PDB file of all heavy atoms in Angstrom:
ATOM      1  N   LEU A   1     -59.794 -92.208 -66.005  1.00  0.00           N
ATOM      2  CA  LEU A   1     -59.057 -93.412 -65.601  1.00  0.00           C
ATOM      3  C   LEU A   1     -58.180 -93.927 -66.740  1.00  0.00           C
ATOM      4  O   LEU A   1     -57.103 -94.493 -66.497  1.00  0.00           O
ATOM      5  CB  LEU A   1     -60.059 -94.488 -65.167  1.00  0.00           C
ATOM      6  CG  LEU A   1     -59.515 -95.752 -64.516  1.00  0.00           C
ATOM      7  CD1 LEU A   1     -58.898 -95.429 -63.150  1.00  0.00           C
ATOM      8  CD2 LEU A   1     -60.640 -96.777 -64.348  1.00  0.00           C
ATOM      9  N   PHE A   2     -58.620 -93.728 -67.993  1.00  0.00           N
ATOM     10  CA  PHE A   2     -57.920 -94.316 -69.137  1.00  0.00           C
ATOM     11  C   PHE A   2     -57.088 -93.317 -69.938  1.00  0.00           C
ATOM     12  O   PHE A   2     -56.264 -93.730 -70.757  1.00  0.00           O
ATOM     13  CB  PHE A   2     -58.936 -94.983 -70.065  1.00  0.00           C
ATOM     14  CG  PHE A   2     -59.594 -96.191 -69.468  1.00  0.00           C
ATOM     15  CD1 PHE A   2     -60.874 -96.117 -68.931  1.00  0.00           C
ATOM     16  CD2 PHE A   2     -58.921 -97.398 -69.414  1.00  0.00           C
ATOM     17  CE1 PHE A   2     -61.474 -97.224 -68.365  1.00  0.00           C
ATOM     18  CE2 PHE A   2     -59.511 -98.520 -68.846  1.00  0.00           C
ATOM     19  CZ  PHE A   2     -60.791 -98.433 -68.312  1.00  0.00           C
ATOM     20  N   ILE A   3     -57.263 -92.034 -69.717  1.00  0.00           N
ATOM     21  CA  ILE A   3     -56.519 -91.046 -70.501  1.00  0.00           C
ATOM     22  C   ILE A   3     -55.012 -91.184 -70.306  1.00  0.00           C
ATOM     23  O   ILE A   3     -54.247 -91.147 -71.294  1.00  0.00           O
ATOM     24  CB  ILE A   3     -57.032 -89.624 -70.193  1.00  0.00           C
ATOM     25  CG1 ILE A   3     -58.416 -89.439 -70.827  1.00  0.00           C
ATOM     26  CG2 ILE A   3     -56.050 -88.574 -70.720  1.00  0.00           C
ATOM     27  CD1 ILE A   3     -59.105 -88.162 -70.434  1.00  0.00           C
ATOM     28  N   PRO A   4     -54.497 -91.373 -69.078  1.00  0.00           N
ATOM     29  CA  PRO A   4     -53.050 -91.553 -68.947  1.00  0.00           C
ATOM     30  C   PRO A   4     -52.537 -92.767 -69.725  1.00  0.00           C
ATOM     31  O   PRO A   4     -51.438 -92.726 -70.306  1.00  0.00           O
ATOM     32  CB  PRO A   4     -52.849 -91.734 -67.443  1.00  0.00           C
ATOM     33  CG  PRO A   4     -54.021 -91.034 -66.829  1.00  0.00           C
ATOM     34  CD  PRO A   4     -55.157 -91.286 -67.761  1.00  0.00           C
ATOM     35  N   PHE A   5     -53.315 -93.829 -69.747  1.00  0.00           N
ATOM     36  CA  PHE A   5     -52.923 -95.016 -70.512  1.00  0.00           C
ATOM     37  C   PHE A   5     -52.790 -94.677 -71.993  1.00  0.00           C
ATOM     38  O   PHE A   5     -51.826 -95.097 -72.658  1.00  0.00           O
ATOM     39  CB  PHE A   5     -53.939 -96.130 -70.304  1.00  0.00           C
ATOM     40  CG  PHE A   5     -53.747 -97.310 -71.216  1.00  0.00           C
ATOM     41  CD1 PHE A   5     -52.825 -98.290 -70.918  1.00  0.00           C
ATOM     42  CD2 PHE A   5     -54.466 -97.422 -72.394  1.00  0.00           C
ATOM     43  CE1 PHE A   5     -52.637 -99.386 -71.759  1.00  0.00           C
ATOM     44  CE2 PHE A   5     -54.290 -98.501 -73.244  1.00  0.00           C
ATOM     45  CZ  PHE A   5     -53.370 -99.488 -72.930  1.00  0.00           C
ATOM     46  N   LEU A   6     -53.757 -93.949 -72.526  1.00  0.00           N
ATOM     47  CA  LEU A   6     -53.686 -93.580 -73.947  1.00  0.00           C
ATOM     48  C   LEU A   6     -52.456 -92.719 -74.206  1.00  0.00           C
ATOM     49  O   LEU A   6     -51.746 -92.925 -75.204  1.00  0.00           O
ATOM     50  CB  LEU A   6     -54.955 -92.830 -74.345  1.00  0.00           C
ATOM     51  CG  LEU A   6     -56.237 -93.664 -74.402  1.00  0.00           C
ATOM     52  CD1 LEU A   6     -57.446 -92.763 -74.576  1.00  0.00           C
ATOM     53  CD2 LEU A   6     -56.175 -94.693 -75.524  1.00  0.00           C
ATOM     54  N   GLU A   7     -52.197 -91.768 -73.337  1.00  0.00           N
ATOM     55  CA  GLU A   7     -51.032 -90.895 -73.536  1.00  0.00           C
ATOM     56  C   GLU A   7     -49.739 -91.689 -73.457  1.00  0.00           C
ATOM     57  O   GLU A   7     -48.803 -91.453 -74.245  1.00  0.00           O
ATOM     58  CB  GLU A   7     -51.063 -89.780 -72.506  1.00  0.00           C
ATOM     59  CG  GLU A   7     -52.226 -88.810 -72.720  1.00  0.00           C
ATOM     60  CD  GLU A   7     -52.379 -87.801 -71.606  1.00  0.00           C
ATOM     61  OE1 GLU A   7     -51.895 -88.071 -70.470  1.00  0.00           O
ATOM     62  OE2 GLU A   7     -52.985 -86.732 -71.857  1.00  0.00           O
ATOM     63  N   GLU A   8     -49.669 -92.638 -72.536  1.00  0.00           N
ATOM     64  CA  GLU A   8     -48.472 -93.481 -72.423  1.00  0.00           C
ATOM     65  C   GLU A   8     -48.261 -94.326 -73.658  1.00  0.00           C
ATOM     66  O   GLU A   8     -47.136 -94.761 -73.944  1.00  0.00           O
ATOM     67  CB  GLU A   8     -48.592 -94.387 -71.189  1.00  0.00           C
ATOM     68  CG  GLU A   8     -48.503 -93.637 -69.864  1.00  0.00           C
ATOM     69  CD  GLU A   8     -48.974 -94.476 -68.698  1.00  0.00           C
ATOM     70  OE1 GLU A   8     -49.274 -95.680 -68.908  1.00  0.00           O
ATOM     71  OE2 GLU A   8     -49.078 -93.935 -67.578  1.00  0.00           O
ATOM     72  N   ASN A   9     -49.327 -94.580 -74.391  1.00  0.00           N
ATOM     73  CA  ASN A   9     -49.241 -95.407 -75.590  1.00  0.00           C
ATOM     74  C   ASN A   9     -49.232 -94.583 -76.873  1.00  0.00           C
ATOM     75  O   ASN A   9     -49.565 -95.078 -77.943  1.00  0.00           O
ATOM     76  CB  ASN A   9     -50.379 -96.432 -75.606  1.00  0.00           C
ATOM     77  CG  ASN A   9     -50.072 -97.614 -74.712  1.00  0.00           C
ATOM     78  OD1 ASN A   9     -49.454 -98.587 -75.126  1.00  0.00           O
ATOM     79  ND2 ASN A   9     -50.480 -97.527 -73.450  1.00  0.00           N
ATOM     80  N   GLY A  10     -48.849 -93.326 -76.758  1.00  0.00           N
ATOM     81  CA  GLY A  10     -48.560 -92.528 -77.933  1.00  0.00           C
ATOM     82  C   GLY A  10     -49.720 -91.766 -78.526  1.00  0.00           C
ATOM     83  O   GLY A  10     -49.640 -91.323 -79.678  1.00  0.00           O
ATOM     84  N   PHE A  11     -50.795 -91.550 -77.763  1.00  0.00           N
ATOM     85  CA  PHE A  11     -51.933 -90.804 -78.271  1.00  0.00           C
ATOM     86  C   PHE A  11     -51.960 -89.392 -77.713  1.00  0.00           C
ATOM     87  O   PHE A  11     -51.748 -89.190 -76.504  1.00  0.00           O
ATOM     88  CB  PHE A  11     -53.251 -91.494 -77.893  1.00  0.00           C
ATOM     89  CG  PHE A  11     -53.518 -92.759 -78.644  1.00  0.00           C
ATOM     90  CD1 PHE A  11     -53.075 -93.974 -78.160  1.00  0.00           C
ATOM     91  CD2 PHE A  11     -54.230 -92.748 -79.841  1.00  0.00           C
ATOM     92  CE1 PHE A  11     -53.315 -95.151 -78.840  1.00  0.00           C
ATOM     93  CE2 PHE A  11     -54.478 -93.923 -80.530  1.00  0.00           C
ATOM     94  CZ  PHE A  11     -54.017 -95.121 -80.032  1.00  0.00           C
ATOM     95  N   SER A  12     -52.244 -88.446 -78.558  1.00  0.00           N
ATOM     96  CA  SER A  12     -52.600 -87.114 -78.145  1.00  0.00           C
ATOM     97  C   SER A  12     -54.114 -87.101 -77.935  1.00  0.00           C
ATOM     98  O   SER A  12     -54.866 -87.470 -78.852  1.00  0.00           O
ATOM     99  CB  SER A  12     -52.208 -86.084 -79.210  1.00  0.00           C
ATOM    100  OG  SER A  12     -52.710 -84.797 -78.905  1.00  0.00           O
ATOM    101  N   VAL A  13     -54.581 -86.722 -76.746  1.00  0.00           N
ATOM    102  CA  VAL A  13     -55.983 -86.887 -76.379  1.00  0.00           C
ATOM    103  C   VAL A  13     -56.713 -85.551 -76.381  1.00  0.00           C
ATOM    104  O   VAL A  13     -56.263 -84.575 -75.772  1.00  0.00           O
ATOM    105  CB  VAL A  13     -56.101 -87.553 -74.993  1.00  0.00           C
ATOM    106  CG1 VAL A  13     -57.571 -87.704 -74.614  1.00  0.00           C
ATOM    107  CG2 VAL A  13     -55.396 -88.903 -74.975  1.00  0.00           C
ATOM    108  N   ARG A  14     -57.844 -85.520 -77.058  1.00  0.00           N
ATOM    109  CA  ARG A  14     -58.754 -84.385 -77.019  1.00  0.00           C
ATOM    110  C   ARG A  14     -60.044 -84.832 -76.349  1.00  0.00           C
ATOM    111  O   ARG A  14     -60.547 -85.924 -76.621  1.00  0.00           O
ATOM    112  CB  ARG A  14     -59.052 -83.887 -78.435  1.00  0.00           C
ATOM    113  CG  ARG A  14     -60.145 -82.819 -78.528  1.00  0.00           C
ATOM    114  CD  ARG A  14     -60.266 -82.287 -79.934  1.00  0.00           C
ATOM    115  NE  ARG A  14     -61.437 -81.423 -80.099  1.00  0.00           N
ATOM    116  CZ  ARG A  14     -61.742 -80.766 -81.223  1.00  0.00           C
ATOM    117  NH1 ARG A  14     -60.942 -80.882 -82.282  1.00  0.00           N
ATOM    118  NH2 ARG A  14     -62.822 -80.005 -81.296  1.00  0.00           N
ATOM    119  N   ILE A  15     -60.582 -84.004 -75.484  1.00  0.00           N
ATOM    120  CA  ILE A  15     -61.799 -84.326 -74.740  1.00  0.00           C
ATOM    121  C   ILE A  15     -62.919 -83.402 -75.170  1.00  0.00           C
ATOM    122  O   ILE A  15     -62.741 -82.185 -75.244  1.00  0.00           O
ATOM    123  CB  ILE A  15     -61.571 -84.193 -73.216  1.00  0.00           C
ATOM    124  CG1 ILE A  15     -60.450 -85.121 -72.757  1.00  0.00           C
ATOM    125  CG2 ILE A  15     -62.864 -84.484 -72.464  1.00  0.00           C
ATOM    126  CD1 ILE A  15     -60.017 -84.886 -71.325  1.00  0.00           C
ATOM    127  N   GLU A  16     -64.074 -83.991 -75.457  1.00  0.00           N
ATOM    128  CA  GLU A  16     -65.275 -83.235 -75.789  1.00  0.00           C
ATOM    129  C   GLU A  16     -66.421 -83.712 -74.912  1.00  0.00           C
ATOM    130  O   GLU A  16     -66.514 -84.900 -74.592  1.00  0.00           O
ATOM    131  CB  GLU A  16     -65.637 -83.389 -77.265  1.00  0.00           C
ATOM    132  CG  GLU A  16     -64.634 -82.744 -78.213  1.00  0.00           C
ATOM    133  CD  GLU A  16     -64.659 -81.222 -78.186  1.00  0.00           C
ATOM    134  OE1 GLU A  16     -65.711 -80.664 -77.796  1.00  0.00           O
ATOM    135  OE2 GLU A  16     -63.640 -80.615 -78.539  1.00  0.00           O
ATOM    136  N   GLU A  17     -67.300 -82.790 -74.559  1.00  0.00           N
ATOM    137  CA  GLU A  17     -68.398 -83.102 -73.648  1.00  0.00           C
ATOM    138  C   GLU A  17     -69.714 -83.377 -74.370  1.00  0.00           C
ATOM    139  O   GLU A  17     -70.759 -83.507 -73.717  1.00  0.00           O
ATOM    140  CB  GLU A  17     -68.576 -81.948 -72.645  1.00  0.00           C
ATOM    141  CG  GLU A  17     -67.317 -81.513 -71.933  1.00  0.00           C
ATOM    142  CD  GLU A  17     -66.710 -82.581 -71.044  1.00  0.00           C
ATOM    143  OE1 GLU A  17     -67.452 -83.486 -70.615  1.00  0.00           O
ATOM    144  OE2 GLU A  17     -65.488 -82.516 -70.783  1.00  0.00           O
ATOM    145  N   SER A  18     -69.681 -83.469 -75.695  1.00  0.00           N
ATOM    146  CA  SER A  18     -70.893 -83.777 -76.469  1.00  0.00           C
ATOM    147  C   SER A  18     -70.462 -84.345 -77.811  1.00  0.00           C
ATOM    148  O   SER A  18     -69.292 -84.205 -78.216  1.00  0.00           O
ATOM    149  CB  SER A  18     -71.739 -82.523 -76.678  1.00  0.00           C
ATOM    150  OG  SER A  18     -71.299 -81.802 -77.820  1.00  0.00           O
ATOM    151  N   PRO A  19     -71.394 -84.976 -78.554  1.00  0.00           N
ATOM    152  CA  PRO A  19     -71.044 -85.516 -79.867  1.00  0.00           C
ATOM    153  C   PRO A  19     -70.995 -84.473 -80.970  1.00  0.00           C
ATOM    154  O   PRO A  19     -70.827 -84.831 -82.133  1.00  0.00           O
ATOM    155  CB  PRO A  19     -72.170 -86.535 -80.116  1.00  0.00           C
ATOM    156  CG  PRO A  19     -73.345 -85.998 -79.376  1.00  0.00           C
ATOM    157  CD  PRO A  19     -72.765 -85.357 -78.137  1.00  0.00           C
ATOM    158  N   ALA A  20     -71.116 -83.190 -80.651  1.00  0.00           N
ATOM    159  CA  ALA A  20     -71.114 -82.145 -81.685  1.00  0.00           C
ATOM    160  C   ALA A  20     -69.850 -82.205 -82.542  1.00  0.00           C
ATOM    161  O   ALA A  20     -69.891 -81.917 -83.739  1.00  0.00           O
ATOM    162  CB  ALA A  20     -71.263 -80.771 -81.043  1.00  0.00           C
ATOM    163  N   VAL A  21     -68.726 -82.608 -81.946  1.00  0.00           N
ATOM    164  CA  VAL A  21     -67.466 -82.658 -82.671  1.00  0.00           C
ATOM    165  C   VAL A  21     -67.525 -83.631 -83.842  1.00  0.00           C
ATOM    166  O   VAL A  21     -66.790 -83.481 -84.828  1.00  0.00           O
ATOM    167  CB  VAL A  21     -66.314 -83.035 -81.714  1.00  0.00           C
ATOM    168  CG1 VAL A  21     -66.480 -84.447 -81.179  1.00  0.00           C
ATOM    169  CG2 VAL A  21     -64.965 -82.844 -82.364  1.00  0.00           C
ATOM    170  N   TYR A  22     -68.402 -84.634 -83.765  1.00  0.00           N
ATOM    171  CA  TYR A  22     -68.483 -85.611 -84.846  1.00  0.00           C
ATOM    172  C   TYR A  22     -68.861 -84.977 -86.177  1.00  0.00           C
ATOM    173  O   TYR A  22     -68.589 -85.554 -87.241  1.00  0.00           O
ATOM    174  CB  TYR A  22     -69.514 -86.697 -84.495  1.00  0.00           C
ATOM    175  CG  TYR A  22     -69.154 -87.613 -83.357  1.00  0.00           C
ATOM    176  CD1 TYR A  22     -70.166 -88.237 -82.624  1.00  0.00           C
ATOM    177  CD2 TYR A  22     -67.839 -87.886 -83.002  1.00  0.00           C
ATOM    178  CE1 TYR A  22     -69.866 -89.103 -81.573  1.00  0.00           C
ATOM    179  CE2 TYR A  22     -67.532 -88.735 -81.961  1.00  0.00           C
ATOM    180  CZ  TYR A  22     -68.554 -89.347 -81.240  1.00  0.00           C
ATOM    181  OH  TYR A  22     -68.252 -90.194 -80.207  1.00  0.00           O
ATOM    182  N   ALA A  23     -69.499 -83.820 -86.139  1.00  0.00           N
ATOM    183  CA  ALA A  23     -69.922 -83.160 -87.374  1.00  0.00           C
ATOM    184  C   ALA A  23     -68.782 -82.412 -88.053  1.00  0.00           C
ATOM    185  O   ALA A  23     -68.957 -81.915 -89.185  1.00  0.00           O
ATOM    186  CB  ALA A  23     -71.081 -82.209 -87.088  1.00  0.00           C
ATOM    187  N   ASP A  24     -67.626 -82.324 -87.423  1.00  0.00           N
ATOM    188  CA  ASP A  24     -66.478 -81.623 -87.988  1.00  0.00           C
ATOM    189  C   ASP A  24     -65.668 -82.620 -88.839  1.00  0.00           C
ATOM    190  O   ASP A  24     -64.761 -83.286 -88.352  1.00  0.00           O
ATOM    191  CB  ASP A  24     -65.617 -81.058 -86.856  1.00  0.00           C
ATOM    192  CG  ASP A  24     -64.439 -80.238 -87.356  1.00  0.00           C
ATOM    193  OD1 ASP A  24     -64.095 -80.331 -88.546  1.00  0.00           O
ATOM    194  OD2 ASP A  24     -63.836 -79.524 -86.525  1.00  0.00           O
ATOM    195  N   ALA A  25     -66.022 -82.710 -90.124  1.00  0.00           N
ATOM    196  CA  ALA A  25     -65.426 -83.730 -90.990  1.00  0.00           C
ATOM    197  C   ALA A  25     -63.926 -83.583 -91.104  1.00  0.00           C
ATOM    198  O   ALA A  25     -63.184 -84.581 -91.141  1.00  0.00           O
ATOM    199  CB  ALA A  25     -66.077 -83.682 -92.368  1.00  0.00           C
ATOM    200  N   GLY A  26     -63.437 -82.360 -91.172  1.00  0.00           N
ATOM    201  CA  GLY A  26     -62.004 -82.149 -91.301  1.00  0.00           C
ATOM    202  C   GLY A  26     -61.243 -82.687 -90.110  1.00  0.00           C
ATOM    203  O   GLY A  26     -60.225 -83.376 -90.271  1.00  0.00           O
ATOM    204  N   TYR A  27     -61.730 -82.396 -88.914  1.00  0.00           N
ATOM    205  CA  TYR A  27     -61.064 -82.909 -87.723  1.00  0.00           C
ATOM    206  C   TYR A  27     -61.214 -84.413 -87.606  1.00  0.00           C
ATOM    207  O   TYR A  27     -60.242 -85.121 -87.310  1.00  0.00           O
ATOM    208  CB  TYR A  27     -61.615 -82.236 -86.460  1.00  0.00           C
ATOM    209  CG  TYR A  27     -61.124 -82.907 -85.212  1.00  0.00           C
ATOM    210  CD1 TYR A  27     -59.788 -82.796 -84.837  1.00  0.00           C
ATOM    211  CD2 TYR A  27     -61.973 -83.697 -84.439  1.00  0.00           C
ATOM    212  CE1 TYR A  27     -59.314 -83.451 -83.696  1.00  0.00           C
ATOM    213  CE2 TYR A  27     -61.507 -84.340 -83.299  1.00  0.00           C
ATOM    214  CZ  TYR A  27     -60.174 -84.225 -82.945  1.00  0.00           C
ATOM    215  OH  TYR A  27     -59.705 -84.885 -81.835  1.00  0.00           O
ATOM    216  N   MET A  28     -62.422 -84.928 -87.846  1.00  0.00           N
ATOM    217  CA  MET A  28     -62.647 -86.356 -87.680  1.00  0.00           C
ATOM    218  C   MET A  28     -61.743 -87.187 -88.584  1.00  0.00           C
ATOM    219  O   MET A  28     -61.397 -88.313 -88.238  1.00  0.00           O
ATOM    220  CB  MET A  28     -64.122 -86.684 -87.924  1.00  0.00           C
ATOM    221  CG  MET A  28     -65.066 -86.127 -86.872  1.00  0.00           C
ATOM    222  SD  MET A  28     -64.728 -86.699 -85.197  1.00  0.00           S
ATOM    223  CE  MET A  28     -65.100 -88.451 -85.371  1.00  0.00           C
ATOM    224  N   ALA A  29     -61.362 -86.659 -89.716  1.00  0.00           N
ATOM    225  CA  ALA A  29     -60.465 -87.382 -90.626  1.00  0.00           C
ATOM    226  C   ALA A  29     -59.097 -87.594 -90.011  1.00  0.00           C
ATOM    227  O   ALA A  29     -58.341 -88.462 -90.460  1.00  0.00           O
ATOM    228  CB  ALA A  29     -60.349 -86.638 -91.954  1.00  0.00           C
TER     229      ALA A  29
END
């Protein structure tokens, strides 16, 4: 519901289905 709003406001959106991505320090920065 909110992804189009984010894109309209200048965000590139990445979707993840678990918090595993939080451990990727390089990306999280």
